[in-house]
Amino acid sequence: MFVKFVSFALVGVLGTFAHFSVLYALVESQGYNPVMASGWGAIAGLIVNYILNFKLTFNSRQSHAQTFPKFALIALFGMGFNLALMELLTHRIYYLYAQVLTTLAVLIWNFFANTLWTFKMDKMGNSSMSKLGSVIIKPFAGLGLPFV
């Protein structure tokens, strides 16, 4: 698990670069509120992190229809956590320092949530979606949702 965490964190450096680039550009050149700009940066980071973690960190054999909705849901919770911490911290410290602290906290949440749910495989190579997820998803099968 340690090697996987290091890989996740290294991929996260690239996602964080995307996040901080959007944050900085929107605040410094467009005059955005740092909290709102951080939200847009989180979306940029989500895209970079999903693509690289799918292939590099977890080497997933699952379909994107199985993994992306879970990854996005976890990222949505992480984004909420990010925005709440940024709102709290930017009133006390410089916004880029606040984002560094916030990023470290969200990193830990994202790693464990994605390891234990998004990309979890059982010993036979079946995704976690094939068990619990199918129980949750079956009632929605007739609704035309993309992950059903």
C-alpha atoms as a PDB file:
ATOM      1  CA  MET A   1       0.000   0.000   0.000  1.00  0.00           C
ATOM      2  CA  PHE A   2       2.926   2.373   0.638  1.00  0.00           C
ATOM      3  CA  VAL A   3       4.163   2.088  -2.964  1.00  0.00           C
ATOM      4  CA  LYS A   4       0.642   2.730  -4.220  1.00  0.00           C
ATOM      5  CA  PHE A   5       0.387   5.794  -1.954  1.00  0.00           C
ATOM      6  CA  VAL A   6       3.691   7.147  -3.300  1.00  0.00           C
ATOM      7  CA  SER A   7       2.458   6.615  -6.874  1.00  0.00           C
ATOM      8  CA  PHE A   8      -0.863   8.284  -5.996  1.00  0.00           C
ATOM      9  CA  ALA A   9       0.993  11.221  -4.450  1.00  0.00           C
ATOM     10  CA  LEU A  10       3.316  11.591  -7.454  1.00  0.00           C
ATOM     11  CA  VAL A  11       0.364  11.580  -9.833  1.00  0.00           C
ATOM     12  CA  GLY A  12      -1.214  14.046  -7.445  1.00  0.00           C
ATOM     13  CA  VAL A  13       1.730  16.398  -7.981  1.00  0.00           C
ATOM     14  CA  LEU A  14       0.663  16.761 -11.611  1.00  0.00           C
ATOM     15  CA  GLY A  15      -2.983  17.171 -10.643  1.00  0.00           C
ATOM     16  CA  THR A  16      -1.938  19.695  -8.021  1.00  0.00           C
ATOM     17  CA  PHE A  17       0.071  21.584 -10.624  1.00  0.00           C
ATOM     18  CA  ALA A  18      -3.054  21.793 -12.795  1.00  0.00           C
ATOM     19  CA  HIS A  19      -5.111  22.856  -9.748  1.00  0.00           C
ATOM     20  CA  PHE A  20      -2.642  25.545  -8.633  1.00  0.00           C
ATOM     21  CA  SER A  21      -2.158  26.806 -12.211  1.00  0.00           C
ATOM     22  CA  VAL A  22      -5.875  27.400 -12.647  1.00  0.00           C
ATOM     23  CA  LEU A  23      -6.163  28.861  -9.129  1.00  0.00           C
ATOM     24  CA  TYR A  24      -3.271  31.272  -9.623  1.00  0.00           C
ATOM     25  CA  ALA A  25      -4.288  32.307 -13.134  1.00  0.00           C
ATOM     26  CA  LEU A  26      -7.872  33.027 -12.130  1.00  0.00           C
ATOM     27  CA  VAL A  27      -6.933  34.961  -8.975  1.00  0.00           C
ATOM     28  CA  GLU A  28      -3.985  36.932 -10.336  1.00  0.00           C
ATOM     29  CA  SER A  29      -5.072  37.656 -13.904  1.00  0.00           C
ATOM     30  CA  GLN A  30      -8.871  37.547 -13.682  1.00  0.00           C
ATOM     31  CA  GLY A  31      -9.476  38.786 -10.131  1.00  0.00           C
ATOM     32  CA  TYR A  32     -11.480  35.730  -9.056  1.00  0.00           C
ATOM     33  CA  ASN A  33     -12.217  35.057  -5.411  1.00  0.00           C
ATOM     34  CA  PRO A  34      -9.592  32.484  -4.250  1.00  0.00           C
ATOM     35  CA  VAL A  35     -12.261  30.075  -2.970  1.00  0.00           C
ATOM     36  CA  MET A  36     -14.108  30.028  -6.323  1.00  0.00           C
ATOM     37  CA  ALA A  37     -10.852  29.817  -8.266  1.00  0.00           C
ATOM     38  CA  SER A  38      -9.841  26.863  -6.107  1.00  0.00           C
ATOM     39  CA  GLY A  39     -13.052  25.101  -7.105  1.00  0.00           C
ATOM     40  CA  TRP A  40     -12.216  25.484 -10.808  1.00  0.00           C
ATOM     41  CA  GLY A  41      -8.688  24.321 -10.086  1.00  0.00           C
ATOM     42  CA  ALA A  42     -10.057  21.234  -8.336  1.00  0.00           C
ATOM     43  CA  ILE A  43     -11.958  20.298 -11.503  1.00  0.00           C
ATOM     44  CA  ALA A  44      -8.765  20.591 -13.566  1.00  0.00           C
ATOM     45  CA  GLY A  45      -6.962  18.442 -10.993  1.00  0.00           C
ATOM     46  CA  LEU A  46      -9.761  15.858 -11.056  1.00  0.00           C
ATOM     47  CA  ILE A  47      -9.338  15.295 -14.781  1.00  0.00           C
ATOM     48  CA  VAL A  48      -5.550  14.957 -14.618  1.00  0.00           C
ATOM     49  CA  ASN A  49      -5.669  12.731 -11.518  1.00  0.00           C
ATOM     50  CA  TYR A  50      -8.354  10.381 -12.862  1.00  0.00           C
ATOM     51  CA  ILE A  51      -6.607   9.688 -16.145  1.00  0.00           C
ATOM     52  CA  LEU A  52      -3.179   9.119 -14.580  1.00  0.00           C
ATOM     53  CA  ASN A  53      -4.379   7.149 -11.551  1.00  0.00           C
ATOM     54  CA  PHE A  54      -6.551   4.892 -13.692  1.00  0.00           C
ATOM     55  CA  LYS A  55      -3.549   3.844 -15.771  1.00  0.00           C
ATOM     56  CA  LEU A  56      -0.470   4.347 -13.595  1.00  0.00           C
ATOM     57  CA  THR A  57      -1.364   4.010  -9.921  1.00  0.00           C
ATOM     58  CA  PHE A  58      -4.124   1.412 -10.015  1.00  0.00           C
ATOM     59  CA  ASN A  59      -3.546  -0.094 -13.486  1.00  0.00           C
ATOM     60  CA  SER A  60      -7.279  -0.613 -13.529  1.00  0.00           C
ATOM     61  CA  ARG A  61      -8.928  -3.240 -15.704  1.00  0.00           C
ATOM     62  CA  GLN A  62     -12.372  -1.928 -14.832  1.00  0.00           C
ATOM     63  CA  SER A  63     -14.401   0.107 -17.274  1.00  0.00           C
ATOM     64  CA  HIS A  64     -14.495   3.867 -17.052  1.00  0.00           C
ATOM     65  CA  ALA A  65     -18.251   3.485 -16.596  1.00  0.00           C
ATOM     66  CA  GLN A  66     -17.498   1.724 -13.299  1.00  0.00           C
ATOM     67  CA  THR A  67     -14.615   3.824 -12.042  1.00  0.00           C
ATOM     68  CA  PHE A  68     -15.230   7.384 -13.177  1.00  0.00           C
ATOM     69  CA  PRO A  69     -18.569   7.932 -11.370  1.00  0.00           C
ATOM     70  CA  LYS A  70     -17.008   6.681  -8.126  1.00  0.00           C
ATOM     71  CA  PHE A  71     -13.836   8.723  -8.654  1.00  0.00           C
ATOM     72  CA  ALA A  72     -15.925  11.822  -9.424  1.00  0.00           C
ATOM     73  CA  LEU A  73     -18.104  11.309  -6.334  1.00  0.00           C
ATOM     74  CA  ILE A  74     -15.032  11.020  -4.120  1.00  0.00           C
ATOM     75  CA  ALA A  75     -13.561  14.073  -5.834  1.00  0.00           C
ATOM     76  CA  LEU A  76     -16.821  15.948  -5.231  1.00  0.00           C
ATOM     77  CA  PHE A  77     -16.550  15.252  -1.498  1.00  0.00           C
ATOM     78  CA  GLY A  78     -12.866  16.214  -1.680  1.00  0.00           C
ATOM     79  CA  MET A  79     -13.794  19.420  -3.482  1.00  0.00           C
ATOM     80  CA  GLY A  80     -16.323  20.254  -0.764  1.00  0.00           C
ATOM     81  CA  PHE A  81     -13.658  19.592   1.858  1.00  0.00           C
ATOM     82  CA  ASN A  82     -11.230  21.730  -0.181  1.00  0.00           C
ATOM     83  CA  LEU A  83     -13.663  24.640  -0.447  1.00  0.00           C
ATOM     84  CA  ALA A  84     -14.590  24.501   3.242  1.00  0.00           C
ATOM     85  CA  LEU A  85     -10.945  24.494   4.327  1.00  0.00           C
ATOM     86  CA  MET A  86     -10.091  27.281   1.889  1.00  0.00           C
ATOM     87  CA  GLU A  87     -12.969  29.385   3.207  1.00  0.00           C
ATOM     88  CA  LEU A  88     -11.727  28.827   6.744  1.00  0.00           C
ATOM     89  CA  LEU A  89      -8.011  29.328   6.077  1.00  0.00           C
ATOM     90  CA  THR A  90      -7.935  32.185   3.552  1.00  0.00           C
ATOM     91  CA  HIS A  91      -9.245  34.554   6.208  1.00  0.00           C
ATOM     92  CA  ARG A  92      -6.194  33.728   8.308  1.00  0.00           C
ATOM     93  CA  ILE A  93      -3.290  33.026   5.935  1.00  0.00           C
ATOM     94  CA  TYR A  94      -2.183  33.782   2.352  1.00  0.00           C
ATOM     95  CA  TYR A  95      -4.354  31.870  -0.139  1.00  0.00           C
ATOM     96  CA  LEU A  96      -1.517  29.808  -1.654  1.00  0.00           C
ATOM     97  CA  TYR A  97      -0.373  28.651   1.806  1.00  0.00           C
ATOM     98  CA  ALA A  98      -3.980  27.792   2.592  1.00  0.00           C
ATOM     99  CA  GLN A  99      -4.178  25.745  -0.594  1.00  0.00           C
ATOM    100  CA  VAL A 100      -1.031  23.790   0.299  1.00  0.00           C
ATOM    101  CA  LEU A 101      -2.492  22.774   3.688  1.00  0.00           C
ATOM    102  CA  THR A 102      -5.837  21.995   2.121  1.00  0.00           C
ATOM    103  CA  THR A 103      -4.235  19.900  -0.619  1.00  0.00           C
ATOM    104  CA  LEU A 104      -2.429  17.725   1.946  1.00  0.00           C
ATOM    105  CA  ALA A 105      -5.659  17.050   3.839  1.00  0.00           C
ATOM    106  CA  VAL A 106      -7.606  16.225   0.669  1.00  0.00           C
ATOM    107  CA  LEU A 107      -4.768  13.970  -0.584  1.00  0.00           C
ATOM    108  CA  ILE A 108      -5.218  11.632   2.378  1.00  0.00           C
ATOM    109  CA  TRP A 109      -9.015  11.487   1.944  1.00  0.00           C
ATOM    110  CA  ASN A 110      -8.768  10.872  -1.818  1.00  0.00           C
ATOM    111  CA  PHE A 111      -6.153   8.136  -1.536  1.00  0.00           C
ATOM    112  CA  PHE A 112      -8.005   6.013   0.988  1.00  0.00           C
ATOM    113  CA  ALA A 113     -11.430   6.525  -0.576  1.00  0.00           C
ATOM    114  CA  ASN A 114     -10.184   5.618  -4.065  1.00  0.00           C
ATOM    115  CA  THR A 115      -8.125   2.679  -2.829  1.00  0.00           C
ATOM    116  CA  LEU A 116     -10.935   1.227  -0.738  1.00  0.00           C
ATOM    117  CA  TRP A 117     -13.797   1.905  -3.153  1.00  0.00           C
ATOM    118  CA  THR A 118     -13.118   3.256  -6.658  1.00  0.00           C
ATOM    119  CA  PHE A 119     -10.362   0.897  -7.754  1.00  0.00           C
ATOM    120  CA  LYS A 120     -10.887  -1.939  -5.250  1.00  0.00           C
ATOM    121  CA  MET A 121     -10.642  -5.421  -6.727  1.00  0.00           C
ATOM    122  CA  ASP A 122     -11.306  -8.675  -4.933  1.00  0.00           C
ATOM    123  CA  LYS A 123      -8.913 -11.640  -5.093  1.00  0.00           C
ATOM    124  CA  MET A 124     -10.650 -12.962  -8.207  1.00  0.00           C
ATOM    125  CA  GLY A 125     -10.198  -9.646 -10.044  1.00  0.00           C
ATOM    126  CA  ASN A 126     -13.807  -8.477  -9.741  1.00  0.00           C
ATOM    127  CA  SER A 127     -14.432  -4.826  -9.010  1.00  0.00           C
ATOM    128  CA  SER A 128     -16.212  -3.668  -5.894  1.00  0.00           C
ATOM    129  CA  MET A 129     -19.005  -2.499  -8.225  1.00  0.00           C
ATOM    130  CA  SER A 130     -19.844  -6.123  -9.017  1.00  0.00           C
ATOM    131  CA  LYS A 131     -20.906  -6.699  -5.402  1.00  0.00           C
ATOM    132  CA  LEU A 132     -22.253  -3.834  -3.339  1.00  0.00           C
ATOM    133  CA  GLY A 133     -22.404  -1.416  -6.251  1.00  0.00           C
ATOM    134  CA  SER A 134     -24.668  -3.683  -8.266  1.00  0.00           C
ATOM    135  CA  VAL A 135     -27.129  -3.812  -5.367  1.00  0.00           C
ATOM    136  CA  ILE A 136     -27.219  -0.024  -5.300  1.00  0.00           C
ATOM    137  CA  ILE A 137     -27.287   0.435  -9.088  1.00  0.00           C
ATOM    138  CA  LYS A 138     -29.919  -2.199 -10.066  1.00  0.00           C
ATOM    139  CA  PRO A 139     -32.939  -0.099  -9.006  1.00  0.00           C
ATOM    140  CA  PHE A 140     -31.748   2.616 -11.417  1.00  0.00           C
ATOM    141  CA  ALA A 141     -31.199   0.272 -14.402  1.00  0.00           C
ATOM    142  CA  GLY A 142     -34.208   1.574 -16.358  1.00  0.00           C
ATOM    143  CA  LEU A 143     -33.242   5.213 -16.034  1.00  0.00           C
ATOM    144  CA  GLY A 144     -30.575   5.182 -18.737  1.00  0.00           C
ATOM    145  CA  LEU A 145     -27.759   6.222 -16.419  1.00  0.00           C
ATOM    146  CA  PRO A 146     -24.342   5.938 -18.089  1.00  0.00           C
ATOM    147  CA  PHE A 147     -22.824   3.664 -15.435  1.00  0.00           C
ATOM    148  CA  VAL A 148     -25.604   1.066 -15.379  1.00  0.00           C
END
